[in-house]
Amino acid sequence: MKLPIYFSLVLVIFNLISLYFIIDLLSYDEIVGYWFNGRKKNVSTQTMGYLLFVATLMNLYFIFLIVIEKSNKDD
């Protein structure tokens, strides 16, 4: 009984930490990388940031739905 509660709590904490870093990622315009031969590679972070943001919010939503369903089932 206690293990699913702790597991859900760990998942929520992990997702909230991920959400913090994803919001920080969205503040960047681009990431610049350098190849071995000296060329630069520019990558925009906006698309990947929004995708990760939506995925993390969906994870939190489904975790809360499962926790609420389990708590209502016990009553």
Protein backbone atom coordinates (compact mmCIF):
# COMPACT_ATOMS: atom_id res chain seq x y z
CA MET A 1 0.00 0.00 0.00
CA LYS A 2 2.73 2.49 0.88
CA LEU A 3 4.99 1.65 -2.07
CA PRO A 4 2.69 3.11 -4.78
CA ILE A 5 2.32 6.29 -2.73
CA TYR A 6 6.09 6.72 -2.44
CA PHE A 7 6.55 5.84 -6.11
CA SER A 8 3.96 8.43 -7.14
CA LEU A 9 5.59 11.03 -4.92
CA VAL A 10 9.00 10.35 -6.45
CA LEU A 11 7.51 10.63 -9.96
CA VAL A 12 5.86 13.95 -9.13
CA ILE A 13 9.08 15.35 -7.67
CA PHE A 14 11.08 14.15 -10.67
CA ASN A 15 8.59 15.71 -13.09
CA LEU A 16 8.58 19.01 -11.22
CA ILE A 17 12.38 19.14 -11.32
CA SER A 18 12.26 18.33 -15.04
CA LEU A 19 9.69 21.09 -15.53
CA TYR A 20 12.05 23.58 -13.88
CA PHE A 21 14.88 22.68 -16.27
CA ILE A 22 12.58 22.67 -19.31
CA ILE A 23 11.33 26.17 -18.49
CA ASP A 24 14.96 27.24 -18.15
CA LEU A 25 15.70 25.62 -21.54
CA LEU A 26 12.92 27.66 -23.14
CA SER A 27 14.71 30.87 -22.18
CA TYR A 28 17.61 30.05 -24.54
CA ASP A 29 17.46 31.14 -28.17
CA GLU A 30 19.89 28.56 -29.49
CA ILE A 31 22.68 26.23 -28.47
CA VAL A 32 26.00 26.53 -30.27
CA GLY A 33 28.18 23.47 -30.71
CA TYR A 34 31.62 23.19 -32.24
CA TRP A 35 32.75 20.31 -34.46
CA PHE A 36 36.27 18.89 -34.44
CA ASN A 37 37.18 20.73 -37.64
CA GLY A 38 36.18 24.11 -36.16
CA ARG A 39 32.75 24.47 -37.79
CA LYS A 40 29.87 25.80 -35.71
CA LYS A 41 26.49 24.13 -35.42
CA ASN A 42 23.52 26.18 -34.18
CA VAL A 43 20.46 24.39 -32.83
CA SER A 44 17.21 26.04 -31.80
CA THR A 45 15.84 24.77 -28.48
CA GLN A 46 12.28 26.06 -28.82
CA THR A 47 10.72 23.05 -30.57
CA MET A 48 12.30 20.44 -28.31
CA GLY A 49 11.58 22.57 -25.24
CA TYR A 50 7.88 22.84 -26.01
CA LEU A 51 7.67 19.13 -26.77
CA LEU A 52 9.31 18.24 -23.44
CA PHE A 53 7.13 20.79 -21.65
CA VAL A 54 3.90 19.25 -22.97
CA ALA A 55 5.13 15.70 -22.27
CA THR A 56 6.05 16.58 -18.68
CA LEU A 57 2.70 18.27 -18.06
CA MET A 58 0.92 15.20 -19.42
CA ASN A 59 2.98 12.97 -17.11
CA LEU A 60 1.96 15.08 -14.11
CA TYR A 61 -1.67 15.05 -15.22
CA PHE A 62 -1.80 11.26 -15.54
CA ILE A 63 0.05 10.71 -12.25
CA PHE A 64 -2.47 12.89 -10.44
CA LEU A 65 -5.38 11.12 -12.16
CA ILE A 66 -4.04 7.73 -11.05
CA VAL A 67 -3.43 8.91 -7.49
CA ILE A 68 -6.92 10.40 -7.21
CA GLU A 69 -8.50 7.26 -8.67
CA LYS A 70 -6.59 5.06 -6.22
CA SER A 71 -7.53 7.28 -3.27
CA ASN A 72 -11.23 7.19 -4.25
CA LYS A 73 -11.12 3.43 -4.69
CA ASP A 74 -9.87 2.93 -1.12
CA ASP A 75 -12.87 4.77 0.38
